Amino acid sequence: IKVKNIYCILLYKLDLIVILSNIIRNMWQNTDKLIVYKLNVFYVLTAVRI
């Protein structure tokens, strides 16, 4: 019974790690898009200024 419990806990933790890594990856992708967006806005503003 103990071994089974440990196995369940390990699986649960693995699921959590996968979910967390997915969330972090999504956040990274979103920040990349934000940075690109900000760079584009900055580029347009400087182009308009020039």
PDB file of N, CA and C in Angstrom:
ATOM      1  N   ILE A   1       0.849  -1.207   0.000  1.00  0.00           N
ATOM      2  CA  ILE A   1       0.000   0.000   0.000  1.00  0.00           C
ATOM      3  C   ILE A   1       0.880   1.251   0.000  1.00  0.00           C
ATOM      4  N   LYS A   2       1.950   1.240   0.799  1.00  0.00           N
ATOM      5  CA  LYS A   2       2.825   2.414   0.873  1.00  0.00           C
ATOM      6  C   LYS A   2       3.465   2.718  -0.479  1.00  0.00           C
ATOM      7  N   VAL A   3       3.932   1.660  -1.139  1.00  0.00           N
ATOM      8  CA  VAL A   3       4.574   1.850  -2.444  1.00  0.00           C
ATOM      9  C   VAL A   3       3.594   2.483  -3.423  1.00  0.00           C
ATOM     10  N   LYS A   4       2.359   2.008  -3.401  1.00  0.00           N
ATOM     11  CA  LYS A   4       1.339   2.548  -4.294  1.00  0.00           C
ATOM     12  C   LYS A   4       1.109   4.029  -3.993  1.00  0.00           C
ATOM     13  N   ASN A   5       1.064   4.386  -2.711  1.00  0.00           N
ATOM     14  CA  ASN A   5       0.870   5.781  -2.328  1.00  0.00           C
ATOM     15  C   ASN A   5       2.002   6.652  -2.850  1.00  0.00           C
ATOM     16  N   ILE A   6       3.235   6.178  -2.681  1.00  0.00           N
ATOM     17  CA  ILE A   6       4.395   6.932  -3.159  1.00  0.00           C
ATOM     18  C   ILE A   6       4.302   7.119  -4.669  1.00  0.00           C
ATOM     19  N   TYR A   7       3.896   6.045  -5.366  1.00  0.00           N
ATOM     20  CA  TYR A   7       3.758   6.100  -6.821  1.00  0.00           C
ATOM     21  C   TYR A   7       2.721   7.151  -7.219  1.00  0.00           C
ATOM     22  N   CYS A   8       1.592   7.154  -6.508  1.00  0.00           N
ATOM     23  CA  CYS A   8       0.532   8.132  -6.786  1.00  0.00           C
ATOM     24  C   CYS A   8       1.040   9.553  -6.548  1.00  0.00           C
ATOM     25  N   ILE A   9       1.769   9.746  -5.456  1.00  0.00           N
ATOM     26  CA  ILE A   9       2.310  11.069  -5.135  1.00  0.00           C
ATOM     27  C   ILE A   9       3.284  11.516  -6.221  1.00  0.00           C
ATOM     28  N   LEU A  10       4.136  10.588  -6.669  1.00  0.00           N
ATOM     29  CA  LEU A  10       5.092  10.911  -7.732  1.00  0.00           C
ATOM     30  C   LEU A  10       4.365  11.310  -9.008  1.00  0.00           C
ATOM     31  N   LEU A  11       3.342  10.545  -9.369  1.00  0.00           N
ATOM     32  CA  LEU A  11       2.566  10.867 -10.570  1.00  0.00           C
ATOM     33  C   LEU A  11       1.927  12.244 -10.428  1.00  0.00           C
ATOM     34  N   TYR A  12       1.374  12.504  -9.250  1.00  0.00           N
ATOM     35  CA  TYR A  12       0.729  13.786  -8.997  1.00  0.00           C
ATOM     36  C   TYR A  12       1.725  14.928  -9.157  1.00  0.00           C
ATOM     37  N   LYS A  13       2.927  14.743  -8.570  1.00  0.00           N
ATOM     38  CA  LYS A  13       3.953  15.779  -8.671  1.00  0.00           C
ATOM     39  C   LYS A  13       4.396  15.964 -10.114  1.00  0.00           C
ATOM     40  N   LEU A  14       4.509  14.870 -10.847  1.00  0.00           N
ATOM     41  CA  LEU A  14       4.886  14.961 -12.261  1.00  0.00           C
ATOM     42  C   LEU A  14       3.846  15.765 -13.029  1.00  0.00           C
ATOM     43  N   ASP A  15       2.568  15.490 -12.758  1.00  0.00           N
ATOM     44  CA  ASP A  15       1.494  16.244 -13.404  1.00  0.00           C
ATOM     45  C   ASP A  15       1.629  17.727 -13.091  1.00  0.00           C
ATOM     46  N   LEU A  16       1.881  18.050 -11.825  1.00  0.00           N
ATOM     47  CA  LEU A  16       2.032  19.444 -11.424  1.00  0.00           C
ATOM     48  C   LEU A  16       3.196  20.094 -12.157  1.00  0.00           C
ATOM     49  N   ILE A  17       4.318  19.356 -12.248  1.00  0.00           N
ATOM     50  CA  ILE A  17       5.499  19.897 -12.924  1.00  0.00           C
ATOM     51  C   ILE A  17       5.192  20.172 -14.393  1.00  0.00           C
ATOM     52  N   VAL A  18       4.501  19.233 -15.038  1.00  0.00           N
ATOM     53  CA  VAL A  18       4.141  19.409 -16.451  1.00  0.00           C
ATOM     54  C   VAL A  18       3.246  20.631 -16.621  1.00  0.00           C
ATOM     55  N   ILE A  19       2.242  20.745 -15.752  1.00  0.00           N
ATOM     56  CA  ILE A  19       1.317  21.882 -15.820  1.00  0.00           C
ATOM     57  C   ILE A  19       2.076  23.191 -15.612  1.00  0.00           C
ATOM     58  N   LEU A  20       2.953  23.213 -14.591  1.00  0.00           N
ATOM     59  CA  LEU A  20       3.725  24.419 -14.310  1.00  0.00           C
ATOM     60  C   LEU A  20       4.622  24.782 -15.476  1.00  0.00           C
ATOM     61  N   SER A  21       5.288  23.787 -16.053  1.00  0.00           N
ATOM     62  CA  SER A  21       6.190  24.058 -17.169  1.00  0.00           C
ATOM     63  C   SER A  21       5.413  24.593 -18.368  1.00  0.00           C
ATOM     64  N   ASN A  22       4.207  24.062 -18.583  1.00  0.00           N
ATOM     65  CA  ASN A  22       3.372  24.564 -19.674  1.00  0.00           C
ATOM     66  C   ASN A  22       2.988  26.019 -19.434  1.00  0.00           C
ATOM     67  N   ILE A  23       2.603  26.331 -18.196  1.00  0.00           N
ATOM     68  CA  ILE A  23       2.231  27.705 -17.852  1.00  0.00           C
ATOM     69  C   ILE A  23       3.415  28.637 -18.070  1.00  0.00           C
ATOM     70  N   ILE A  24       4.594  28.200 -17.586  1.00  0.00           N
ATOM     71  CA  ILE A  24       5.792  29.029 -17.729  1.00  0.00           C
ATOM     72  C   ILE A  24       6.125  29.229 -19.201  1.00  0.00           C
ATOM     73  N   ARG A  25       6.009  28.146 -19.986  1.00  0.00           N
ATOM     74  CA  ARG A  25       6.311  28.253 -21.415  1.00  0.00           C
ATOM     75  C   ARG A  25       5.351  29.233 -22.084  1.00  0.00           C
ATOM     76  N   ASN A  26       4.060  29.149 -21.732  1.00  0.00           N
ATOM     77  CA  ASN A  26       3.076  30.074 -22.292  1.00  0.00           C
ATOM     78  C   ASN A  26       3.414  31.512 -21.917  1.00  0.00           C
ATOM     79  N   MET A  27       3.824  31.716 -20.654  1.00  0.00           N
ATOM     80  CA  MET A  27       4.188  33.058 -20.212  1.00  0.00           C
ATOM     81  C   MET A  27       5.372  33.573 -21.017  1.00  0.00           C
ATOM     82  N   TRP A  28       6.375  32.705 -21.230  1.00  0.00           N
ATOM     83  CA  TRP A  28       7.546  33.103 -22.013  1.00  0.00           C
ATOM     84  C   TRP A  28       7.135  33.505 -23.417  1.00  0.00           C
ATOM     85  N   GLN A  29       6.282  32.684 -24.045  1.00  0.00           N
ATOM     86  CA  GLN A  29       5.842  32.987 -25.406  1.00  0.00           C
ATOM     87  C   GLN A  29       5.093  34.313 -25.433  1.00  0.00           C
ATOM     88  N   ASN A  30       4.257  34.542 -24.430  1.00  0.00           N
ATOM     89  CA  ASN A  30       3.506  35.792 -24.374  1.00  0.00           C
ATOM     90  C   ASN A  30       4.430  36.983 -24.186  1.00  0.00           C
ATOM     91  N   THR A  31       5.451  36.845 -23.330  1.00  0.00           N
ATOM     92  CA  THR A  31       6.374  37.954 -23.123  1.00  0.00           C
ATOM     93  C   THR A  31       7.155  38.216 -24.397  1.00  0.00           C
ATOM     94  N   ASP A  32       7.504  37.147 -25.130  1.00  0.00           N
ATOM     95  CA  ASP A  32       8.183  37.327 -26.412  1.00  0.00           C
ATOM     96  C   ASP A  32       7.316  38.156 -27.346  1.00  0.00           C
ATOM     97  N   LYS A  33       6.035  37.814 -27.427  1.00  0.00           N
ATOM     98  CA  LYS A  33       5.117  38.561 -28.285  1.00  0.00           C
ATOM     99  C   LYS A  33       5.025  40.009 -27.823  1.00  0.00           C
ATOM    100  N   LEU A  34       4.954  40.211 -26.498  1.00  0.00           N
ATOM    101  CA  LEU A  34       4.878  41.565 -25.960  1.00  0.00           C
ATOM    102  C   LEU A  34       6.114  42.364 -26.332  1.00  0.00           C
ATOM    103  N   ILE A  35       7.291  41.737 -26.185  1.00  0.00           N
ATOM    104  CA  ILE A  35       8.540  42.426 -26.500  1.00  0.00           C
ATOM    105  C   ILE A  35       8.567  42.802 -27.977  1.00  0.00           C
ATOM    106  N   VAL A  36       8.189  41.864 -28.845  1.00  0.00           N
ATOM    107  CA  VAL A  36       8.154  42.144 -30.282  1.00  0.00           C
ATOM    108  C   VAL A  36       7.182  43.284 -30.561  1.00  0.00           C
ATOM    109  N   TYR A  37       6.019  43.237 -29.915  1.00  0.00           N
ATOM    110  CA  TYR A  37       5.009  44.280 -30.103  1.00  0.00           C
ATOM    111  C   TYR A  37       5.556  45.638 -29.684  1.00  0.00           C
ATOM    112  N   LYS A  38       6.214  45.677 -28.500  1.00  0.00           N
ATOM    113  CA  LYS A  38       6.779  46.929 -28.007  1.00  0.00           C
ATOM    114  C   LYS A  38       7.866  47.435 -28.933  1.00  0.00           C
ATOM    115  N   LEU A  39       8.702  46.524 -29.445  1.00  0.00           N
ATOM    116  CA  LEU A  39       9.757  46.912 -30.378  1.00  0.00           C
ATOM    117  C   LEU A  39       9.145  47.502 -31.642  1.00  0.00           C
ATOM    118  N   ASN A  40       8.074  46.890 -32.141  1.00  0.00           N
ATOM    119  CA  ASN A  40       7.410  47.399 -33.339  1.00  0.00           C
ATOM    120  C   ASN A  40       6.846  48.792 -33.090  1.00  0.00           C
ATOM    121  N   VAL A  41       6.198  48.979 -31.945  1.00  0.00           N
ATOM    122  CA  VAL A  41       5.639  50.289 -31.604  1.00  0.00           C
ATOM    123  C   VAL A  41       6.760  51.315 -31.512  1.00  0.00           C
ATOM    124  N   PHE A  42       7.852  50.937 -30.842  1.00  0.00           N
ATOM    125  CA  PHE A  42       8.999  51.822 -30.692  1.00  0.00           C
ATOM    126  C   PHE A  42       9.559  52.192 -32.063  1.00  0.00           C
ATOM    127  N   TYR A  43       9.671  51.203 -32.942  1.00  0.00           N
ATOM    128  CA  TYR A  43      10.200  51.422 -34.288  1.00  0.00           C
ATOM    129  C   TYR A  43       9.300  52.382 -35.063  1.00  0.00           C
ATOM    130  N   VAL A  44       7.990  52.168 -34.973  1.00  0.00           N
ATOM    131  CA  VAL A  44       7.034  53.042 -35.668  1.00  0.00           C
ATOM    132  C   VAL A  44       7.138  54.461 -35.130  1.00  0.00           C
ATOM    133  N   LEU A  45       7.220  54.598 -33.791  1.00  0.00           N
ATOM    134  CA  LEU A  45       7.306  55.926 -33.186  1.00  0.00           C
ATOM    135  C   LEU A  45       8.571  56.642 -33.635  1.00  0.00           C
ATOM    136  N   THR A  46       9.706  55.934 -33.633  1.00  0.00           N
ATOM    137  CA  THR A  46      10.957  56.570 -34.048  1.00  0.00           C
ATOM    138  C   THR A  46      10.903  56.911 -35.532  1.00  0.00           C
ATOM    139  N   ALA A  47      10.286  56.048 -36.333  1.00  0.00           N
ATOM    140  CA  ALA A  47      10.173  56.306 -37.768  1.00  0.00           C
ATOM    141  C   ALA A  47       9.319  57.552 -38.005  1.00  0.00           C
ATOM    142  N   VAL A  48       8.230  57.671 -37.251  1.00  0.00           N
ATOM    143  CA  VAL A  48       7.355  58.841 -37.389  1.00  0.00           C
ATOM    144  C   VAL A  48       8.112  60.094 -36.964  1.00  0.00           C
ATOM    145  N   ARG A  49       8.898  59.972 -35.883  1.00  0.00           N
ATOM    146  CA  ARG A  49       9.641  61.117 -35.377  1.00  0.00           C
ATOM    147  C   ARG A  49      10.659  61.581 -36.418  1.00  0.00           C
ATOM    148  N   ILE A  50      11.319  60.630 -37.077  1.00  0.00           N
ATOM    149  CA  ILE A  50      12.312  60.978 -38.104  1.00  0.00           C
ATOM    150  C   ILE A  50      11.570  61.436 -39.359  1.00  0.00           C
TER     151      ILE A  50
END
